[in-house]
C-alpha atoms as a PDB file:
ATOM      1  CA  MET A   1      35.625 -13.629  53.635  1.00  0.00           C
ATOM      2  CA  THR A   2      33.558 -16.329  52.016  1.00  0.00           C
ATOM      3  CA  ALA A   3      32.415 -16.033  48.419  1.00  0.00           C
ATOM      4  CA  ARG A   4      28.724 -15.718  47.849  1.00  0.00           C
ATOM      5  CA  ARG A   5      27.153 -18.691  46.118  1.00  0.00           C
ATOM      6  CA  ARG A   6      25.353 -17.947  42.904  1.00  0.00           C
ATOM      7  CA  PRO A   7      21.768 -19.096  42.968  1.00  0.00           C
ATOM      8  CA  GLY A   8      21.442 -22.221  40.912  1.00  0.00           C
ATOM      9  CA  ARG A   9      18.591 -24.182  39.443  1.00  0.00           C
ATOM     10  CA  PRO A  10      16.693 -26.012  42.182  1.00  0.00           C
ATOM     11  CA  PRO A  11      16.804 -29.802  41.985  1.00  0.00           C
ATOM     12  CA  GLY A  12      14.084 -31.154  39.750  1.00  0.00           C
ATOM     13  CA  ALA A  13      13.393 -27.780  38.104  1.00  0.00           C
ATOM     14  CA  PRO A  14      12.808 -27.991  34.333  1.00  0.00           C
ATOM     15  CA  ARG A  15      15.509 -26.886  31.972  1.00  0.00           C
ATOM     16  CA  ASN A  16      15.132 -23.831  29.783  1.00  0.00           C
ATOM     17  CA  ILE A  17      12.193 -24.612  27.506  1.00  0.00           C
ATOM     18  CA  GLY A  18      11.843 -21.199  25.868  1.00  0.00           C
ATOM     19  CA  TRP A  19      12.291 -22.791  22.439  1.00  0.00           C
ATOM     20  CA  LEU A  20       8.972 -24.587  22.936  1.00  0.00           C
ATOM     21  CA  TYR A  21       7.156 -21.257  22.750  1.00  0.00           C
ATOM     22  CA  VAL A  22       8.409 -20.572  19.212  1.00  0.00           C
ATOM     23  CA  LEU A  23       7.876 -24.150  18.022  1.00  0.00           C
ATOM     24  CA  PRO A  24       4.290 -23.541  16.778  1.00  0.00           C
ATOM     25  CA  ALA A  25       5.441 -20.504  14.792  1.00  0.00           C
ATOM     26  CA  LEU A  26       8.328 -22.503  13.332  1.00  0.00           C
ATOM     27  CA  ALA A  27       5.928 -25.291  12.389  1.00  0.00           C
ATOM     28  CA  VAL A  28       3.623 -22.883  10.570  1.00  0.00           C
ATOM     29  CA  TYR A  29       6.643 -21.263   8.865  1.00  0.00           C
ATOM     30  CA  GLY A  30       7.942 -24.625   7.750  1.00  0.00           C
ATOM     31  CA  VAL A  31       4.611 -25.974   6.504  1.00  0.00           C
ATOM     32  CA  PHE A  32       3.465 -22.894   4.611  1.00  0.00           C
ATOM     33  CA  LEU A  33       6.789 -21.453   3.398  1.00  0.00           C
ATOM     34  CA  LEU A  34       9.757 -23.801   3.563  1.00  0.00           C
ATOM     35  CA  TRP A  35       7.968 -26.945   2.396  1.00  0.00           C
ATOM     36  CA  PRO A  36       6.345 -25.285  -0.655  1.00  0.00           C
ATOM     37  CA  LEU A  37       9.743 -23.788  -1.531  1.00  0.00           C
ATOM     38  CA  VAL A  38      11.402 -27.219  -1.347  1.00  0.00           C
ATOM     39  CA  ARG A  39       8.610 -28.802  -3.398  1.00  0.00           C
ATOM     40  CA  GLY A  40       8.812 -26.008  -5.945  1.00  0.00           C
ATOM     41  CA  PHE A  41      12.535 -26.599  -6.328  1.00  0.00           C
ATOM     42  CA  TRP A  42      11.900 -30.326  -6.767  1.00  0.00           C
ATOM     43  CA  PHE A  43       9.278 -29.695  -9.458  1.00  0.00           C
ATOM     44  CA  SER A  44      11.683 -27.355 -11.244  1.00  0.00           C
ATOM     45  CA  LEU A  45      13.932 -30.333 -11.941  1.00  0.00           C
ATOM     46  CA  TYR A  46      11.266 -31.951 -14.144  1.00  0.00           C
ATOM     47  CA  ASP A  47       9.610 -31.290 -17.470  1.00  0.00           C
ATOM     48  CA  TRP A  48       6.013 -31.414 -16.272  1.00  0.00           C
ATOM     49  CA  ASP A  49       2.719 -30.002 -17.505  1.00  0.00           C
ATOM     50  CA  GLY A  50       0.992 -30.347 -14.140  1.00  0.00           C
ATOM     51  CA  ILE A  51      -1.188 -33.289 -15.234  1.00  0.00           C
ATOM     52  CA  SER A  52       0.759 -36.133 -16.817  1.00  0.00           C
ATOM     53  CA  THR A  53       3.857 -37.847 -15.459  1.00  0.00           C
ATOM     54  CA  GLY A  54       6.888 -35.583 -15.458  1.00  0.00           C
ATOM     55  CA  THR A  55      10.281 -36.467 -16.892  1.00  0.00           C
ATOM     56  CA  TRP A  56      13.582 -35.706 -15.236  1.00  0.00           C
ATOM     57  CA  ALA A  57      15.170 -32.548 -16.655  1.00  0.00           C
ATOM     58  CA  GLY A  58      17.896 -31.748 -14.158  1.00  0.00           C
ATOM     59  CA  LEU A  59      18.960 -28.121 -14.366  1.00  0.00           C
ATOM     60  CA  SER A  60      17.759 -27.618 -17.938  1.00  0.00           C
ATOM     61  CA  ASN A  61      14.847 -25.454 -16.778  1.00  0.00           C
ATOM     62  CA  TYR A  62      17.296 -23.126 -15.045  1.00  0.00           C
ATOM     63  CA  ALA A  63      19.393 -23.025 -18.208  1.00  0.00           C
ATOM     64  CA  THR A  64      16.253 -21.955 -20.055  1.00  0.00           C
ATOM     65  CA  VAL A  65      15.671 -19.186 -17.518  1.00  0.00           C
ATOM     66  CA  LEU A  66      19.180 -17.868 -18.162  1.00  0.00           C
ATOM     67  CA  THR A  67      19.187 -18.247 -21.953  1.00  0.00           C
ATOM     68  CA  ASP A  68      15.612 -17.563 -23.079  1.00  0.00           C
ATOM     69  CA  PRO A  69      15.431 -13.921 -24.278  1.00  0.00           C
ATOM     70  CA  GLY A  70      11.840 -13.518 -23.138  1.00  0.00           C
ATOM     71  CA  LEU A  71      12.568 -14.698 -19.602  1.00  0.00           C
ATOM     72  CA  ARG A  72      15.737 -12.637 -19.345  1.00  0.00           C
ATOM     73  CA  GLY A  73      13.695  -9.658 -20.497  1.00  0.00           C
ATOM     74  CA  ALA A  74      11.119 -10.352 -17.783  1.00  0.00           C
ATOM     75  CA  PHE A  75      13.807 -10.237 -15.084  1.00  0.00           C
ATOM     76  CA  GLY A  76      15.181  -7.075 -16.669  1.00  0.00           C
ATOM     77  CA  HIS A  77      11.721  -5.502 -16.486  1.00  0.00           C
ATOM     78  CA  ALA A  78      11.542  -6.432 -12.795  1.00  0.00           C
ATOM     79  CA  LEU A  79      14.843  -4.673 -12.117  1.00  0.00           C
ATOM     80  CA  ILE A  80      13.562  -1.597 -13.950  1.00  0.00           C
ATOM     81  CA  LEU A  81      10.465  -1.653 -11.750  1.00  0.00           C
ATOM     82  CA  VAL A  82      12.766  -1.628  -8.696  1.00  0.00           C
ATOM     83  CA  VAL A  83      13.776   1.874  -9.777  1.00  0.00           C
ATOM     84  CA  PHE A  84      10.140   2.999  -9.849  1.00  0.00           C
ATOM     85  CA  TYR A  85       8.979   1.064  -6.782  1.00  0.00           C
ATOM     86  CA  ALA A  86      11.969   1.599  -4.491  1.00  0.00           C
ATOM     87  CA  ILE A  87      14.440   4.263  -5.576  1.00  0.00           C
ATOM     88  CA  LEU A  88      12.045   6.965  -6.790  1.00  0.00           C
ATOM     89  CA  PRO A  89       9.670   6.715  -3.767  1.00  0.00           C
ATOM     90  CA  CYS A  90      12.606   6.878  -1.351  1.00  0.00           C
ATOM     91  CA  LEU A  91      14.079   9.909  -3.117  1.00  0.00           C
ATOM     92  CA  LEU A  92      10.734  11.717  -3.132  1.00  0.00           C
ATOM     93  CA  ALA A  93      10.083  10.766   0.500  1.00  0.00           C
ATOM     94  CA  PHE A  94      13.523  12.079   1.491  1.00  0.00           C
ATOM     95  CA  LEU A  95      12.725  15.364  -0.270  1.00  0.00           C
ATOM     96  CA  LEU A  96       9.415  15.689   1.566  1.00  0.00           C
ATOM     97  CA  VAL A  97      11.006  14.837   4.915  1.00  0.00           C
ATOM     98  CA  ALA A  98      13.761  17.403   4.333  1.00  0.00           C
ATOM     99  CA  VAL A  99      11.099  20.068   3.728  1.00  0.00           C
ATOM    100  CA  ILE A 100       9.006  18.997   6.701  1.00  0.00           C
ATOM    101  CA  THR A 101      11.949  19.000   9.124  1.00  0.00           C
ATOM    102  CA  ARG A 102      12.796  22.615   8.211  1.00  0.00           C
ATOM    103  CA  THR A 103       9.280  24.052   8.200  1.00  0.00           C
ATOM    104  CA  ARG A 104       6.124  23.689  10.250  1.00  0.00           C
ATOM    105  CA  VAL A 105       3.507  21.919   8.145  1.00  0.00           C
ATOM    106  CA  ARG A 106      -0.130  22.323   9.124  1.00  0.00           C
ATOM    107  CA  GLY A 107      -2.308  19.258   8.763  1.00  0.00           C
ATOM    108  CA  LEU A 108       0.691  16.916   8.681  1.00  0.00           C
ATOM    109  CA  ALA A 109      -1.368  13.993  10.001  1.00  0.00           C
ATOM    110  CA  LEU A 110      -3.914  14.368   7.185  1.00  0.00           C
ATOM    111  CA  PHE A 111      -1.141  14.790   4.616  1.00  0.00           C
ATOM    112  CA  ARG A 112       0.578  11.635   5.836  1.00  0.00           C
ATOM    113  CA  THR A 113      -2.688   9.678   5.854  1.00  0.00           C
ATOM    114  CA  VAL A 114      -3.542  10.675   2.291  1.00  0.00           C
ATOM    115  CA  LEU A 115      -0.116   9.620   1.011  1.00  0.00           C
ATOM    116  CA  PHE A 116      -0.279   6.323   2.916  1.00  0.00           C
ATOM    117  CA  LEU A 117      -3.802   5.549   1.679  1.00  0.00           C
ATOM    118  CA  PRO A 118      -2.671   3.569  -1.428  1.00  0.00           C
ATOM    119  CA  GLN A 119      -1.059   1.039   0.907  1.00  0.00           C
ATOM    120  CA  VAL A 120      -4.424   0.003   2.333  1.00  0.00           C
ATOM    121  CA  VAL A 121      -6.263  -0.108  -1.010  1.00  0.00           C
ATOM    122  CA  ALA A 122      -6.358  -3.442  -2.826  1.00  0.00           C
ATOM    123  CA  MET A 123      -3.842  -3.487  -5.670  1.00  0.00           C
ATOM    124  CA  VAL A 124      -6.528  -4.707  -8.071  1.00  0.00           C
ATOM    125  CA  ALA A 125      -8.598  -1.597  -7.307  1.00  0.00           C
ATOM    126  CA  VAL A 126      -5.508   0.567  -7.784  1.00  0.00           C
ATOM    127  CA  ALA A 127      -4.820  -1.102 -11.145  1.00  0.00           C
ATOM    128  CA  VAL A 128      -8.388  -0.597 -12.365  1.00  0.00           C
ATOM    129  CA  ALA A 129      -8.349   3.062 -11.325  1.00  0.00           C
ATOM    130  CA  TRP A 130      -5.053   3.779 -13.070  1.00  0.00           C
ATOM    131  CA  GLN A 131      -6.136   1.831 -16.136  1.00  0.00           C
ATOM    132  CA  TRP A 132      -8.981   4.324 -16.466  1.00  0.00           C
ATOM    133  CA  MET A 133      -6.641   7.266 -15.792  1.00  0.00           C
ATOM    134  CA  TYR A 134      -4.282   6.116 -18.570  1.00  0.00           C
ATOM    135  CA  SER A 135      -7.115   5.511 -21.057  1.00  0.00           C
ATOM    136  CA  ALA A 136      -7.533   7.617 -24.209  1.00  0.00           C
ATOM    137  CA  ASP A 137     -10.204   9.807 -22.576  1.00  0.00           C
ATOM    138  CA  GLY A 138      -8.786   9.580 -19.062  1.00  0.00           C
ATOM    139  CA  PRO A 139      -7.457  12.378 -16.847  1.00  0.00           C
ATOM    140  CA  VAL A 140      -3.801  11.919 -17.872  1.00  0.00           C
ATOM    141  CA  ASN A 141      -4.461  12.433 -21.569  1.00  0.00           C
ATOM    142  CA  GLY A 142      -7.029  15.114 -20.713  1.00  0.00           C
ATOM    143  CA  VAL A 143      -4.367  17.200 -18.986  1.00  0.00           C
ATOM    144  CA  LEU A 144      -1.954  16.615 -21.872  1.00  0.00           C
ATOM    145  CA  HIS A 145      -4.590  17.708 -24.400  1.00  0.00           C
ATOM    146  CA  LEU A 146      -5.113  20.891 -22.383  1.00  0.00           C
ATOM    147  CA  LEU A 147      -1.381  21.597 -22.367  1.00  0.00           C
ATOM    148  CA  HIS A 148      -1.321  21.015 -26.108  1.00  0.00           C
ATOM    149  CA  ARG A 149      -3.980  23.695 -26.571  1.00  0.00           C
ATOM    150  CA  LEU A 150      -1.728  26.063 -24.625  1.00  0.00           C
ATOM    151  CA  GLY A 151       1.040  25.561 -27.179  1.00  0.00           C
ATOM    152  CA  LEU A 152       3.004  22.569 -25.863  1.00  0.00           C
ATOM    153  CA  PRO A 153       3.607  19.445 -27.966  1.00  0.00           C
ATOM    154  CA  ASP A 154       0.934  16.763 -27.947  1.00  0.00           C
ATOM    155  CA  TRP A 155       2.251  14.092 -25.571  1.00  0.00           C
ATOM    156  CA  SER A 156      -0.997  12.156 -25.255  1.00  0.00           C
ATOM    157  CA  ARG A 157      -0.908   8.492 -26.218  1.00  0.00           C
ATOM    158  CA  GLY A 158      -2.265   5.097 -25.245  1.00  0.00           C
ATOM    159  CA  TRP A 159       0.132   4.703 -22.358  1.00  0.00           C
ATOM    160  CA  LEU A 160      -0.516   1.086 -21.442  1.00  0.00           C
ATOM    161  CA  GLY A 161      -0.504   0.030 -25.094  1.00  0.00           C
ATOM    162  CA  ASP A 162       2.693   1.806 -26.067  1.00  0.00           C
ATOM    163  CA  PHE A 163       5.771  -0.399 -26.480  1.00  0.00           C
ATOM    164  CA  THR A 164       8.060   2.307 -25.089  1.00  0.00           C
ATOM    165  CA  PHE A 165       5.972   3.811 -22.295  1.00  0.00           C
ATOM    166  CA  ALA A 166       3.917   0.856 -21.016  1.00  0.00           C
ATOM    167  CA  LEU A 167       6.540  -0.301 -18.499  1.00  0.00           C
ATOM    168  CA  PRO A 168       7.292   3.213 -17.151  1.00  0.00           C
ATOM    169  CA  ALA A 169       3.532   3.817 -16.915  1.00  0.00           C
ATOM    170  CA  VAL A 170       3.143   0.711 -14.755  1.00  0.00           C
ATOM    171  CA  GLY A 171       6.215   1.736 -12.758  1.00  0.00           C
ATOM    172  CA  LEU A 172       4.767   5.157 -11.973  1.00  0.00           C
ATOM    173  CA  ILE A 173       1.751   3.443 -10.422  1.00  0.00           C
ATOM    174  CA  GLY A 174       4.182   1.642  -8.121  1.00  0.00           C
ATOM    175  CA  THR A 175       5.860   4.966  -7.296  1.00  0.00           C
ATOM    176  CA  TRP A 176       2.492   6.407  -6.283  1.00  0.00           C
ATOM    177  CA  VAL A 177       1.682   3.362  -4.151  1.00  0.00           C
ATOM    178  CA  GLU A 178       5.019   3.074  -2.341  1.00  0.00           C
ATOM    179  CA  LEU A 179       5.646   6.777  -1.705  1.00  0.00           C
ATOM    180  CA  GLY A 180       3.373   6.831   1.332  1.00  0.00           C
ATOM    181  CA  LEU A 181       5.105   3.829   2.915  1.00  0.00           C
ATOM    182  CA  ALA A 182       8.559   5.378   2.537  1.00  0.00           C
ATOM    183  CA  LEU A 183       7.331   8.741   3.827  1.00  0.00           C
ATOM    184  CA  VAL A 184       5.733   7.266   6.956  1.00  0.00           C
ATOM    185  CA  LEU A 185       8.895   5.299   7.758  1.00  0.00           C
ATOM    186  CA  PHE A 186      11.134   8.326   7.257  1.00  0.00           C
ATOM    187  CA  LEU A 187       8.895  10.631   9.284  1.00  0.00           C
ATOM    188  CA  ALA A 188       8.907   8.134  12.158  1.00  0.00           C
ATOM    189  CA  GLY A 189      12.694   7.990  12.009  1.00  0.00           C
ATOM    190  CA  ALA A 190      13.050  11.784  11.741  1.00  0.00           C
ATOM    191  CA  GLN A 191      11.084  12.227  14.964  1.00  0.00           C
ATOM    192  CA  ARG A 192      13.817  10.277  16.777  1.00  0.00           C
ATOM    193  CA  ILE A 193      16.589  12.591  15.585  1.00  0.00           C
ATOM    194  CA  PRO A 194      17.437  15.080  18.367  1.00  0.00           C
ATOM    195  CA  GLY A 195      16.422  18.624  17.493  1.00  0.00           C
ATOM    196  CA  GLU A 196      19.717  19.873  18.881  1.00  0.00           C
ATOM    197  CA  LEU A 197      21.491  18.402  15.880  1.00  0.00           C
ATOM    198  CA  TYR A 198      19.400  20.529  13.508  1.00  0.00           C
ATOM    199  CA  ASP A 199      19.965  23.599  15.692  1.00  0.00           C
ATOM    200  CA  ALA A 200      23.721  23.025  15.684  1.00  0.00           C
ATOM    201  CA  ALA A 201      23.751  22.568  11.920  1.00  0.00           C
ATOM    202  CA  ARG A 202      21.830  25.810  11.391  1.00  0.00           C
ATOM    203  CA  ILE A 203      24.103  27.693  13.788  1.00  0.00           C
ATOM    204  CA  ASP A 204      27.047  26.462  11.733  1.00  0.00           C
ATOM    205  CA  GLY A 205      25.401  27.957   8.664  1.00  0.00           C
ATOM    206  CA  ALA A 206      24.359  24.696   7.007  1.00  0.00           C
ATOM    207  CA  GLY A 207      21.905  25.089   4.166  1.00  0.00           C
ATOM    208  CA  PRO A 208      19.023  22.725   3.450  1.00  0.00           C
ATOM    209  CA  PHE A 209      21.139  20.283   1.449  1.00  0.00           C
ATOM    210  CA  ALA A 210      24.048  20.278   3.919  1.00  0.00           C
ATOM    211  CA  GLU A 211      21.636  19.852   6.837  1.00  0.00           C
ATOM    212  CA  PHE A 212      19.956  16.921   5.120  1.00  0.00           C
ATOM    213  CA  ARG A 213      23.280  15.282   4.270  1.00  0.00           C
ATOM    214  CA  ALA A 214      24.827  15.796   7.714  1.00  0.00           C
ATOM    215  CA  VAL A 215      21.837  15.191  10.017  1.00  0.00           C
ATOM    216  CA  THR A 216      18.771  13.703   8.365  1.00  0.00           C
ATOM    217  CA  LEU A 217      20.371  11.098   6.115  1.00  0.00           C
ATOM    218  CA  PRO A 218      22.649   9.535   8.798  1.00  0.00           C
ATOM    219  CA  GLY A 219      19.706   9.397  11.202  1.00  0.00           C
ATOM    220  CA  LEU A 220      17.481   7.551   8.709  1.00  0.00           C
ATOM    221  CA  ARG A 221      19.829   4.826   7.495  1.00  0.00           C
ATOM    222  CA  ARG A 222      17.919   2.002   9.178  1.00  0.00           C
ATOM    223  CA  GLU A 223      14.553   3.327   8.000  1.00  0.00           C
ATOM    224  CA  LEU A 224      16.011   3.609   4.495  1.00  0.00           C
ATOM    225  CA  ALA A 225      17.099  -0.041   4.626  1.00  0.00           C
ATOM    226  CA  VAL A 226      13.602  -1.123   5.707  1.00  0.00           C
ATOM    227  CA  ALA A 227      11.931   0.982   3.025  1.00  0.00           C
ATOM    228  CA  LEU A 228      14.250  -0.258   0.268  1.00  0.00           C
ATOM    229  CA  THR A 229      13.724  -3.863   1.349  1.00  0.00           C
ATOM    230  CA  LEU A 230       9.924  -3.694   1.415  1.00  0.00           C
ATOM    231  CA  THR A 231       9.565  -1.731  -1.817  1.00  0.00           C
ATOM    232  CA  SER A 232      12.145  -3.807  -3.711  1.00  0.00           C
ATOM    233  CA  VAL A 233      10.407  -7.035  -2.755  1.00  0.00           C
ATOM    234  CA  MET A 234       7.106  -5.516  -3.885  1.00  0.00           C
ATOM    235  CA  ALA A 235       8.655  -4.613  -7.242  1.00  0.00           C
ATOM    236  CA  LEU A 236      10.171  -8.046  -7.837  1.00  0.00           C
ATOM    237  CA  ARG A 237       7.052 -10.026  -6.933  1.00  0.00           C
ATOM    238  CA  ASN A 238       4.669  -7.678  -8.728  1.00  0.00           C
ATOM    239  CA  PHE A 239       1.908  -9.619 -10.487  1.00  0.00           C
ATOM    240  CA  ASP A 240      -1.593  -8.260  -9.925  1.00  0.00           C
ATOM    241  CA  LEU A 241      -0.783  -4.769 -11.174  1.00  0.00           C
ATOM    242  CA  VAL A 242       0.702  -6.087 -14.432  1.00  0.00           C
ATOM    243  CA  TYR A 243      -2.019  -8.684 -14.894  1.00  0.00           C
ATOM    244  CA  VAL A 244      -4.885  -6.218 -14.545  1.00  0.00           C
ATOM    245  CA  THR A 245      -3.392  -3.307 -16.491  1.00  0.00           C
ATOM    246  CA  THR A 246      -1.493  -4.885 -19.405  1.00  0.00           C
ATOM    247  CA  LYS A 247      -1.444  -8.716 -19.049  1.00  0.00           C
ATOM    248  CA  GLY A 248       2.245  -8.516 -19.927  1.00  0.00           C
ATOM    249  CA  GLY A 249       1.695  -6.577 -23.148  1.00  0.00           C
ATOM    250  CA  PRO A 250       2.072  -5.010 -25.503  1.00  0.00           C
ATOM    251  CA  GLY A 251       4.191  -7.743 -27.063  1.00  0.00           C
ATOM    252  CA  GLY A 252       5.769  -8.752 -23.757  1.00  0.00           C
ATOM    253  CA  ALA A 253       6.905  -5.197 -22.943  1.00  0.00           C
ATOM    254  CA  THR A 254       5.658  -5.443 -19.351  1.00  0.00           C
ATOM    255  CA  ARG A 255       6.148  -9.125 -18.611  1.00  0.00           C
ATOM    256  CA  VAL A 256       7.759  -9.755 -15.230  1.00  0.00           C
ATOM    257  CA  PRO A 257       8.850 -13.015 -13.534  1.00  0.00           C
ATOM    258  CA  SER A 258       5.697 -13.349 -11.424  1.00  0.00           C
ATOM    259  CA  TYR A 259       3.531 -13.007 -14.515  1.00  0.00           C
ATOM    260  CA  GLU A 260       5.708 -15.557 -16.330  1.00  0.00           C
ATOM    261  CA  VAL A 261       5.143 -18.031 -13.480  1.00  0.00           C
ATOM    262  CA  TYR A 262       1.394 -17.678 -14.003  1.00  0.00           C
ATOM    263  CA  ASN A 263       1.677 -17.742 -17.795  1.00  0.00           C
ATOM    264  CA  ARG A 264       3.922 -20.804 -17.957  1.00  0.00           C
ATOM    265  CA  THR A 265       1.767 -22.685 -15.464  1.00  0.00           C
ATOM    266  CA  PHE A 266      -1.772 -22.032 -16.701  1.00  0.00           C
ATOM    267  CA  ASN A 267      -1.344 -20.992 -20.337  1.00  0.00           C
ATOM    268  CA  THR A 268       1.563 -22.982 -21.784  1.00  0.00           C
ATOM    269  CA  GLY A 269       1.595 -25.954 -19.366  1.00  0.00           C
ATOM    270  CA  GLU A 270       5.285 -25.612 -18.439  1.00  0.00           C
ATOM    271  CA  VAL A 271       4.973 -26.158 -14.699  1.00  0.00           C
ATOM    272  CA  GLY A 272       8.585 -27.245 -14.239  1.00  0.00           C
ATOM    273  CA  LEU A 273       9.860 -24.119 -15.983  1.00  0.00           C
ATOM    274  CA  ALA A 274       7.442 -21.968 -13.989  1.00  0.00           C
ATOM    275  CA  CYS A 275       8.835 -23.429 -10.751  1.00  0.00           C
ATOM    276  CA  ALA A 276      12.379 -22.700 -11.956  1.00  0.00           C
ATOM    277  CA  ILE A 277      11.376 -19.087 -12.609  1.00  0.00           C
ATOM    278  CA  GLY A 278       9.854 -18.868  -9.132  1.00  0.00           C
ATOM    279  CA  VAL A 279      12.936 -20.326  -7.440  1.00  0.00           C
ATOM    280  CA  THR A 280      15.219 -17.993  -9.404  1.00  0.00           C
ATOM    281  CA  LEU A 281      13.049 -15.055  -8.392  1.00  0.00           C
ATOM    282  CA  ALA A 282      13.209 -16.138  -4.739  1.00  0.00           C
ATOM    283  CA  VAL A 283      17.004 -16.307  -4.913  1.00  0.00           C
ATOM    284  CA  LEU A 284      17.089 -12.832  -6.466  1.00  0.00           C
ATOM    285  CA  VAL A 285      14.849 -11.464  -3.707  1.00  0.00           C
ATOM    286  CA  PHE A 286      17.001 -13.048  -0.992  1.00  0.00           C
ATOM    287  CA  ALA A 287      20.203 -11.704  -2.564  1.00  0.00           C
ATOM    288  CA  LEU A 288      18.802  -8.195  -2.923  1.00  0.00           C
ATOM    289  CA  THR A 289      17.423  -8.019   0.613  1.00  0.00           C
ATOM    290  CA  ALA A 290      20.652  -9.456   2.037  1.00  0.00           C
ATOM    291  CA  GLY A 291      22.663  -6.866   0.111  1.00  0.00           C
ATOM    292  CA  ILE A 292      20.497  -4.035   1.413  1.00  0.00           C
ATOM    293  CA  GLY A 293      20.765  -5.351   4.973  1.00  0.00           C
ATOM    294  CA  ARG A 294      24.545  -5.753   4.727  1.00  0.00           C
ATOM    295  CA  LEU A 295      24.889  -2.236   3.346  1.00  0.00           C
ATOM    296  CA  ALA A 296      22.809  -0.805   6.188  1.00  0.00           C
ATOM    297  CA  GLU A 297      24.765  -2.749   8.829  1.00  0.00           C
ATOM    298  CA  GLY A 298      28.086  -1.723   7.346  1.00  0.00           C
ATOM    299  CA  ARG A 299      27.142   1.941   7.379  1.00  0.00           C
ATOM    300  CA  GLY A 300      25.813   1.632  10.898  1.00  0.00           C
ATOM    301  CA  GLU A 301      29.102   0.153  12.119  1.00  0.00           C
ATOM    302  CA  ALA A 302      31.088   2.816  10.297  1.00  0.00           C
ATOM    303  CA  ARG A 303      29.006   5.481  11.982  1.00  0.00           C
END
């Protein structure tokens, strides 16, 4: 019995040239992302005001990023915003999904659209709207004044001008914006979970929390990783919301790395330091997204 010959490449046929199809995309990626990143790193090694000739500074700008209290505070504020932009929206979205999977919700499409609407509104418009809502005569303080008349303490204040509450006030705007994104991702993932798993859990007497922990959460691990990645990156690179609402105030209470890049470049003329802040922020974003991806992959393999 003779072995069958495997069909080979005909003589003169071109080799595999599939990589040529992705070459234009790689060129665009390199020109508009990699090259600016390399140039930004190169500028960060100089003391330069953006106009005159720069002087070599080595890694001194990065030492300033690590030792300057104001810059360290800006990175700390960014990590606090991760809680409001990523963790809180995901927790609230999980709660809503747990309720939706156990009950029949009428008008779910409209409900989902309304919650997702902040994602398609320009962040500048969102910032202006919430700046009015947080104002002295805005709806937030109006509701608090009404509660005060009913006997509760007077909690009204100038939210965006308060040293203690300005950063949480900005963070809550991010929670409102990112909740819809997390909810849409989780609802899409929940629709892929077989209904038999929920039926089996209910037959076994599982309550809402046990059902969520045993069925919903394991089935949404990948969606959770995507949601945490997108919302965390949004929190770390947040600029327009801070710039419009507080401009980093009061007294630097809401300054974040992206705002410091703008401030050091256009206000104080420290372009080299601004580039060092940007590169450090990029490294932080890469590390955080890689950690989230590794955590998701590890859990997926364990499952």
